[in-house]
Amino acid sequence: MSSSALNVFITEDPATKAVLKTAEAVAPSNVNVLLTGESGTGKNAVAEFIHTISNRRDKPFVPVNCLAIPETLIESELFGHEKGAFTDAHILRKGSFEHADEGTIYLDEIGDMTAAAQGKILQAVEERRFRRVGGQRLIHCDTRVISATNRDLAKKIELGLFREDLFYRLNEVSLRLPPLRERRRDIP
């Protein structure tokens, strides 16, 4: 592990060091990364770390907490909307994917999104383009996706609650962050 990871993370745990080494290795590429692990394991920090040492570091890092956005607003939040698209759409608004163009979008709590929102994200990830709500024009986006969840996505796929095709698009590289109880060496 290089000094860049050591400057950000303090750990003596071999499993965590392996995760950070893999994060460093994939950072310069454009692969999508899925971070898994319980709440509080450092998924947000690892996502920012990957972006910070990537070739996209001078472009935006746009975090989106998918769980905090109401279902009725998720499409507008992610893809924006045109003026007049709905009652309160008084101006054109760019969404998170557009703001992250040439940079990184971090979709936290991806495992809690509705099926409809998953479909929209799949299209944007696969085709690297989308339409704003109420828009006709396709907008190209060169956006790297890092997503995170504390959910068991394999189980959610099995239950029909998460799209398998989206899982494979987001999971080009998977990093599991171990909880502190598995990192005894990191407990002072």
C-alpha atoms as a PDB file:
ATOM      1  CA  MET A   1       0.000   0.000   0.000  1.00  0.00           C
ATOM      2  CA  SER A   2       1.418   3.372  -0.982  1.00  0.00           C
ATOM      3  CA  SER A   3       1.811   6.386   1.225  1.00  0.00           C
ATOM      4  CA  SER A   4      -1.345   8.018  -0.238  1.00  0.00           C
ATOM      5  CA  ALA A   5      -3.604   5.439   1.439  1.00  0.00           C
ATOM      6  CA  LEU A   6      -1.561   5.582   4.631  1.00  0.00           C
ATOM      7  CA  ASN A   7      -2.053   9.352   4.769  1.00  0.00           C
ATOM      8  CA  VAL A   8      -5.837   8.927   4.709  1.00  0.00           C
ATOM      9  CA  PHE A   9      -6.471   5.711   6.650  1.00  0.00           C
ATOM     10  CA  ILE A  10      -4.994   4.393   9.860  1.00  0.00           C
ATOM     11  CA  THR A  11      -5.270   0.631  10.067  1.00  0.00           C
ATOM     12  CA  GLU A  12      -3.287  -2.404  11.124  1.00  0.00           C
ATOM     13  CA  ASP A  13      -5.880  -4.852   9.803  1.00  0.00           C
ATOM     14  CA  PRO A  14      -4.691  -6.988   6.852  1.00  0.00           C
ATOM     15  CA  ALA A  15      -8.197  -7.226   5.320  1.00  0.00           C
ATOM     16  CA  THR A  16      -8.651  -3.451   5.405  1.00  0.00           C
ATOM     17  CA  LYS A  17      -5.177  -2.939   3.947  1.00  0.00           C
ATOM     18  CA  ALA A  18      -6.124  -5.313   1.110  1.00  0.00           C
ATOM     19  CA  VAL A  19      -9.293  -3.310   0.415  1.00  0.00           C
ATOM     20  CA  LEU A  20      -7.297  -0.063   0.310  1.00  0.00           C
ATOM     21  CA  LYS A  21      -4.675  -1.620  -1.969  1.00  0.00           C
ATOM     22  CA  THR A  22      -7.413  -2.713  -4.375  1.00  0.00           C
ATOM     23  CA  ALA A  23      -9.023   0.747  -4.166  1.00  0.00           C
ATOM     24  CA  GLU A  24      -5.684   2.294  -5.134  1.00  0.00           C
ATOM     25  CA  ALA A  25      -5.271  -0.142  -8.014  1.00  0.00           C
ATOM     26  CA  VAL A  26      -8.707   0.570  -9.529  1.00  0.00           C
ATOM     27  CA  ALA A  27      -8.700   4.336  -8.933  1.00  0.00           C
ATOM     28  CA  PRO A  28      -6.904   5.253 -12.202  1.00  0.00           C
ATOM     29  CA  SER A  29      -9.339   3.161 -14.267  1.00  0.00           C
ATOM     30  CA  ASN A  30     -12.911   4.088 -15.104  1.00  0.00           C
ATOM     31  CA  VAL A  31     -14.549   0.958 -13.682  1.00  0.00           C
ATOM     32  CA  ASN A  32     -17.618   1.297 -11.510  1.00  0.00           C
ATOM     33  CA  VAL A  33     -17.043   0.289  -7.903  1.00  0.00           C
ATOM     34  CA  LEU A  34     -19.536  -1.185  -5.450  1.00  0.00           C
ATOM     35  CA  LEU A  35     -18.650  -0.705  -1.786  1.00  0.00           C
ATOM     36  CA  THR A  36     -20.379  -3.015   0.677  1.00  0.00           C
ATOM     37  CA  GLY A  37     -20.301  -3.253   4.429  1.00  0.00           C
ATOM     38  CA  GLU A  38     -22.194  -2.363   7.525  1.00  0.00           C
ATOM     39  CA  SER A  39     -22.961   1.235   8.434  1.00  0.00           C
ATOM     40  CA  GLY A  40     -19.916   2.966   9.866  1.00  0.00           C
ATOM     41  CA  THR A  41     -17.265   0.897   8.072  1.00  0.00           C
ATOM     42  CA  GLY A  42     -15.901   3.820   6.050  1.00  0.00           C
ATOM     43  CA  LYS A  43     -17.597   3.398   2.668  1.00  0.00           C
ATOM     44  CA  ASN A  44     -17.900   7.173   2.196  1.00  0.00           C
ATOM     45  CA  ALA A  45     -14.215   7.703   2.994  1.00  0.00           C
ATOM     46  CA  VAL A  46     -13.139   4.967   0.570  1.00  0.00           C
ATOM     47  CA  ALA A  47     -15.340   6.435  -2.190  1.00  0.00           C
ATOM     48  CA  GLU A  48     -13.770   9.878  -1.734  1.00  0.00           C
ATOM     49  CA  PHE A  49     -10.311   8.286  -1.576  1.00  0.00           C
ATOM     50  CA  ILE A  50     -10.839   6.499  -4.905  1.00  0.00           C
ATOM     51  CA  HIS A  51     -11.979   9.734  -6.539  1.00  0.00           C
ATOM     52  CA  THR A  52      -9.164  11.788  -4.997  1.00  0.00           C
ATOM     53  CA  ILE A  53      -6.418   9.581  -6.436  1.00  0.00           C
ATOM     54  CA  SER A  54      -8.174   8.918  -9.753  1.00  0.00           C
ATOM     55  CA  ASN A  55      -7.623  10.634 -13.087  1.00  0.00           C
ATOM     56  CA  ARG A  56     -10.926  12.418 -12.399  1.00  0.00           C
ATOM     57  CA  ARG A  57      -9.687  14.093  -9.189  1.00  0.00           C
ATOM     58  CA  ASP A  58      -9.869  17.601 -10.720  1.00  0.00           C
ATOM     59  CA  LYS A  59     -13.505  17.085 -11.694  1.00  0.00           C
ATOM     60  CA  PRO A  60     -16.547  16.971  -9.406  1.00  0.00           C
ATOM     61  CA  PHE A  61     -17.209  14.337  -6.750  1.00  0.00           C
ATOM     62  CA  VAL A  62     -20.981  14.349  -6.288  1.00  0.00           C
ATOM     63  CA  PRO A  63     -22.319  12.357  -3.318  1.00  0.00           C
ATOM     64  CA  VAL A  64     -25.995  11.366  -3.359  1.00  0.00           C
ATOM     65  CA  ASN A  65     -27.693   9.723  -0.381  1.00  0.00           C
ATOM     66  CA  CYS A  66     -30.324   7.701  -2.250  1.00  0.00           C
ATOM     67  CA  LEU A  67     -32.199   6.879   0.953  1.00  0.00           C
ATOM     68  CA  ALA A  68     -32.680  10.539   1.872  1.00  0.00           C
ATOM     69  CA  ILE A  69     -34.427  11.509  -1.379  1.00  0.00           C
ATOM     70  CA  PRO A  70     -38.189  10.948  -1.561  1.00  0.00           C
ATOM     71  CA  GLU A  71     -39.273   8.541  -4.306  1.00  0.00           C
ATOM     72  CA  THR A  72     -41.180  11.319  -6.087  1.00  0.00           C
ATOM     73  CA  LEU A  73     -38.030  13.465  -6.380  1.00  0.00           C
ATOM     74  CA  ILE A  74     -35.316  10.890  -7.114  1.00  0.00           C
ATOM     75  CA  GLU A  75     -35.474  11.199 -10.908  1.00  0.00           C
ATOM     76  CA  SER A  76     -35.297  14.989 -10.764  1.00  0.00           C
ATOM     77  CA  GLU A  77     -32.448  14.860  -8.223  1.00  0.00           C
ATOM     78  CA  LEU A  78     -30.392  12.440 -10.316  1.00  0.00           C
ATOM     79  CA  PHE A  79     -31.150  13.726 -13.828  1.00  0.00           C
ATOM     80  CA  GLY A  80     -32.528  17.228 -13.383  1.00  0.00           C
ATOM     81  CA  HIS A  81     -35.628  18.729 -14.946  1.00  0.00           C
ATOM     82  CA  GLU A  82     -36.617  21.202 -17.615  1.00  0.00           C
ATOM     83  CA  LYS A  83     -38.467  24.414 -16.861  1.00  0.00           C
ATOM     84  CA  GLY A  84     -42.197  23.629 -16.774  1.00  0.00           C
ATOM     85  CA  ALA A  85     -41.728  19.855 -16.389  1.00  0.00           C
ATOM     86  CA  PHE A  86     -44.029  19.911 -13.353  1.00  0.00           C
ATOM     87  CA  THR A  87     -45.855  22.469 -11.210  1.00  0.00           C
ATOM     88  CA  ASP A  88     -42.884  23.848  -9.248  1.00  0.00           C
ATOM     89  CA  ALA A  89     -40.298  23.542 -12.035  1.00  0.00           C
ATOM     90  CA  HIS A  90     -39.811  27.267 -12.627  1.00  0.00           C
ATOM     91  CA  ILE A  91     -36.248  26.941 -13.922  1.00  0.00           C
ATOM     92  CA  LEU A  92     -34.081  24.352 -15.640  1.00  0.00           C
ATOM     93  CA  ARG A  93     -32.225  22.316 -13.014  1.00  0.00           C
ATOM     94  CA  LYS A  94     -29.265  20.064 -13.667  1.00  0.00           C
ATOM     95  CA  GLY A  95     -29.222  16.770 -11.785  1.00  0.00           C
ATOM     96  CA  SER A  96     -26.449  14.968  -9.960  1.00  0.00           C
ATOM     97  CA  PHE A  97     -25.351  12.915 -12.981  1.00  0.00           C
ATOM     98  CA  GLU A  98     -24.913  16.076 -15.040  1.00  0.00           C
ATOM     99  CA  HIS A  99     -23.048  17.833 -12.220  1.00  0.00           C
ATOM    100  CA  ALA A 100     -20.714  14.818 -12.016  1.00  0.00           C
ATOM    101  CA  ASP A 101     -19.898  14.848 -15.735  1.00  0.00           C
ATOM    102  CA  GLU A 102     -16.237  13.868 -16.228  1.00  0.00           C
ATOM    103  CA  GLY A 103     -16.060  13.251 -12.478  1.00  0.00           C
ATOM    104  CA  THR A 104     -17.538  10.752 -10.042  1.00  0.00           C
ATOM    105  CA  ILE A 105     -21.043  10.269  -8.719  1.00  0.00           C
ATOM    106  CA  TYR A 106     -21.257   8.459  -5.393  1.00  0.00           C
ATOM    107  CA  LEU A 107     -24.599   6.713  -4.907  1.00  0.00           C
ATOM    108  CA  ASP A 108     -24.814   5.908  -1.212  1.00  0.00           C
ATOM    109  CA  GLU A 109     -27.518   3.515   0.033  1.00  0.00           C
ATOM    110  CA  ILE A 110     -28.093   2.208  -3.512  1.00  0.00           C
ATOM    111  CA  GLY A 111     -29.706  -0.929  -2.077  1.00  0.00           C
ATOM    112  CA  ASP A 112     -32.682   1.089  -0.825  1.00  0.00           C
ATOM    113  CA  MET A 113     -33.765   2.555  -4.164  1.00  0.00           C
ATOM    114  CA  THR A 114     -37.094   1.751  -5.782  1.00  0.00           C
ATOM    115  CA  ALA A 115     -37.302  -0.425  -8.905  1.00  0.00           C
ATOM    116  CA  ALA A 116     -38.250   2.607 -11.024  1.00  0.00           C
ATOM    117  CA  ALA A 117     -35.205   4.576  -9.877  1.00  0.00           C
ATOM    118  CA  GLN A 118     -32.981   1.538 -10.434  1.00  0.00           C
ATOM    119  CA  GLY A 119     -34.180   1.370 -14.044  1.00  0.00           C
ATOM    120  CA  LYS A 120     -33.317   5.019 -14.664  1.00  0.00           C
ATOM    121  CA  ILE A 121     -29.850   4.592 -13.172  1.00  0.00           C
ATOM    122  CA  LEU A 122     -29.271   1.452 -15.242  1.00  0.00           C
ATOM    123  CA  GLN A 123     -30.014   3.354 -18.422  1.00  0.00           C
ATOM    124  CA  ALA A 124     -27.668   6.205 -17.473  1.00  0.00           C
ATOM    125  CA  VAL A 125     -24.866   3.791 -16.525  1.00  0.00           C
ATOM    126  CA  GLU A 126     -25.259   1.575 -19.609  1.00  0.00           C
ATOM    127  CA  GLU A 127     -25.774   4.249 -22.229  1.00  0.00           C
ATOM    128  CA  ARG A 128     -23.910   7.109 -20.529  1.00  0.00           C
ATOM    129  CA  ARG A 129     -26.784   9.399 -21.385  1.00  0.00           C
ATOM    130  CA  PHE A 130     -30.140  10.431 -19.982  1.00  0.00           C
ATOM    131  CA  ARG A 131     -32.990  12.889 -20.366  1.00  0.00           C
ATOM    132  CA  ARG A 132     -33.946  15.485 -17.796  1.00  0.00           C
ATOM    133  CA  VAL A 133     -37.498  15.166 -16.473  1.00  0.00           C
ATOM    134  CA  GLY A 134     -39.691  16.834 -19.094  1.00  0.00           C
ATOM    135  CA  GLY A 135     -36.817  16.986 -21.579  1.00  0.00           C
ATOM    136  CA  GLN A 136     -36.550  15.656 -25.117  1.00  0.00           C
ATOM    137  CA  ARG A 137     -32.803  15.963 -25.643  1.00  0.00           C
ATOM    138  CA  LEU A 138     -30.440  13.146 -24.651  1.00  0.00           C
ATOM    139  CA  ILE A 139     -27.602  14.443 -22.490  1.00  0.00           C
ATOM    140  CA  HIS A 140     -24.275  12.615 -22.648  1.00  0.00           C
ATOM    141  CA  CYS A 141     -22.502  12.051 -19.339  1.00  0.00           C
ATOM    142  CA  ASP A 142     -19.031  10.664 -18.810  1.00  0.00           C
ATOM    143  CA  THR A 143     -19.540   9.843 -15.156  1.00  0.00           C
ATOM    144  CA  ARG A 144     -17.819   7.204 -13.061  1.00  0.00           C
ATOM    145  CA  VAL A 145     -20.180   5.540 -10.599  1.00  0.00           C
ATOM    146  CA  ILE A 146     -19.147   4.492  -7.122  1.00  0.00           C
ATOM    147  CA  SER A 147     -22.037   3.069  -5.152  1.00  0.00           C
ATOM    148  CA  ALA A 148     -22.395   1.774  -1.627  1.00  0.00           C
ATOM    149  CA  THR A 149     -24.810  -0.291   0.378  1.00  0.00           C
ATOM    150  CA  ASN A 150     -25.143  -2.011   3.709  1.00  0.00           C
ATOM    151  CA  ARG A 151     -27.766  -4.334   2.227  1.00  0.00           C
ATOM    152  CA  ASP A 152     -27.264  -7.871   0.921  1.00  0.00           C
ATOM    153  CA  LEU A 153     -27.886  -7.159  -2.753  1.00  0.00           C
ATOM    154  CA  ALA A 154     -27.723 -10.849  -3.729  1.00  0.00           C
ATOM    155  CA  LYS A 155     -30.625 -11.513  -1.361  1.00  0.00           C
ATOM    156  CA  LYS A 156     -32.515  -8.479  -2.670  1.00  0.00           C
ATOM    157  CA  ILE A 157     -32.036  -9.749  -6.250  1.00  0.00           C
ATOM    158  CA  GLU A 158     -33.340 -13.143  -5.198  1.00  0.00           C
ATOM    159  CA  LEU A 159     -36.437 -11.477  -3.694  1.00  0.00           C
ATOM    160  CA  GLY A 160     -36.976  -9.351  -6.802  1.00  0.00           C
ATOM    161  CA  LEU A 161     -36.174  -6.105  -4.954  1.00  0.00           C
ATOM    162  CA  PHE A 162     -32.993  -5.175  -6.814  1.00  0.00           C
ATOM    163  CA  ARG A 163     -32.271  -5.380 -10.526  1.00  0.00           C
ATOM    164  CA  GLU A 164     -29.679  -7.995 -11.372  1.00  0.00           C
ATOM    165  CA  ASP A 165     -28.586  -6.115 -14.509  1.00  0.00           C
ATOM    166  CA  LEU A 166     -27.958  -2.951 -12.476  1.00  0.00           C
ATOM    167  CA  PHE A 167     -26.039  -4.967  -9.898  1.00  0.00           C
ATOM    168  CA  TYR A 168     -23.635  -6.220 -12.573  1.00  0.00           C
ATOM    169  CA  ARG A 169     -23.177  -2.730 -14.047  1.00  0.00           C
ATOM    170  CA  LEU A 170     -22.366  -1.224 -10.643  1.00  0.00           C
ATOM    171  CA  ASN A 171     -20.307  -4.187  -9.462  1.00  0.00           C
ATOM    172  CA  GLU A 172     -17.430  -4.109 -11.941  1.00  0.00           C
ATOM    173  CA  VAL A 173     -15.221  -4.096  -8.853  1.00  0.00           C
ATOM    174  CA  SER A 174     -16.581  -4.938  -5.420  1.00  0.00           C
ATOM    175  CA  LEU A 175     -14.936  -3.936  -2.158  1.00  0.00           C
ATOM    176  CA  ARG A 176     -16.254  -5.224   1.164  1.00  0.00           C
ATOM    177  CA  LEU A 177     -15.270  -3.105   4.148  1.00  0.00           C
ATOM    178  CA  PRO A 178     -15.028  -5.146   7.343  1.00  0.00           C
ATOM    179  CA  PRO A 179     -16.702  -3.908  10.536  1.00  0.00           C
ATOM    180  CA  LEU A 180     -14.558  -2.934  13.510  1.00  0.00           C
ATOM    181  CA  ARG A 181     -15.368  -6.194  15.356  1.00  0.00           C
ATOM    182  CA  GLU A 182     -13.474  -8.015  12.557  1.00  0.00           C
ATOM    183  CA  ARG A 183     -10.551  -5.584  12.806  1.00  0.00           C
ATOM    184  CA  ARG A 184      -9.339  -6.334  16.325  1.00  0.00           C
ATOM    185  CA  ARG A 185      -5.887  -4.911  15.557  1.00  0.00           C
ATOM    186  CA  ASP A 186      -7.476  -1.492  14.987  1.00  0.00           C
ATOM    187  CA  ILE A 187      -9.049  -1.358  18.457  1.00  0.00           C
ATOM    188  CA  PRO A 188      -6.604   0.505  20.745  1.00  0.00           C
END
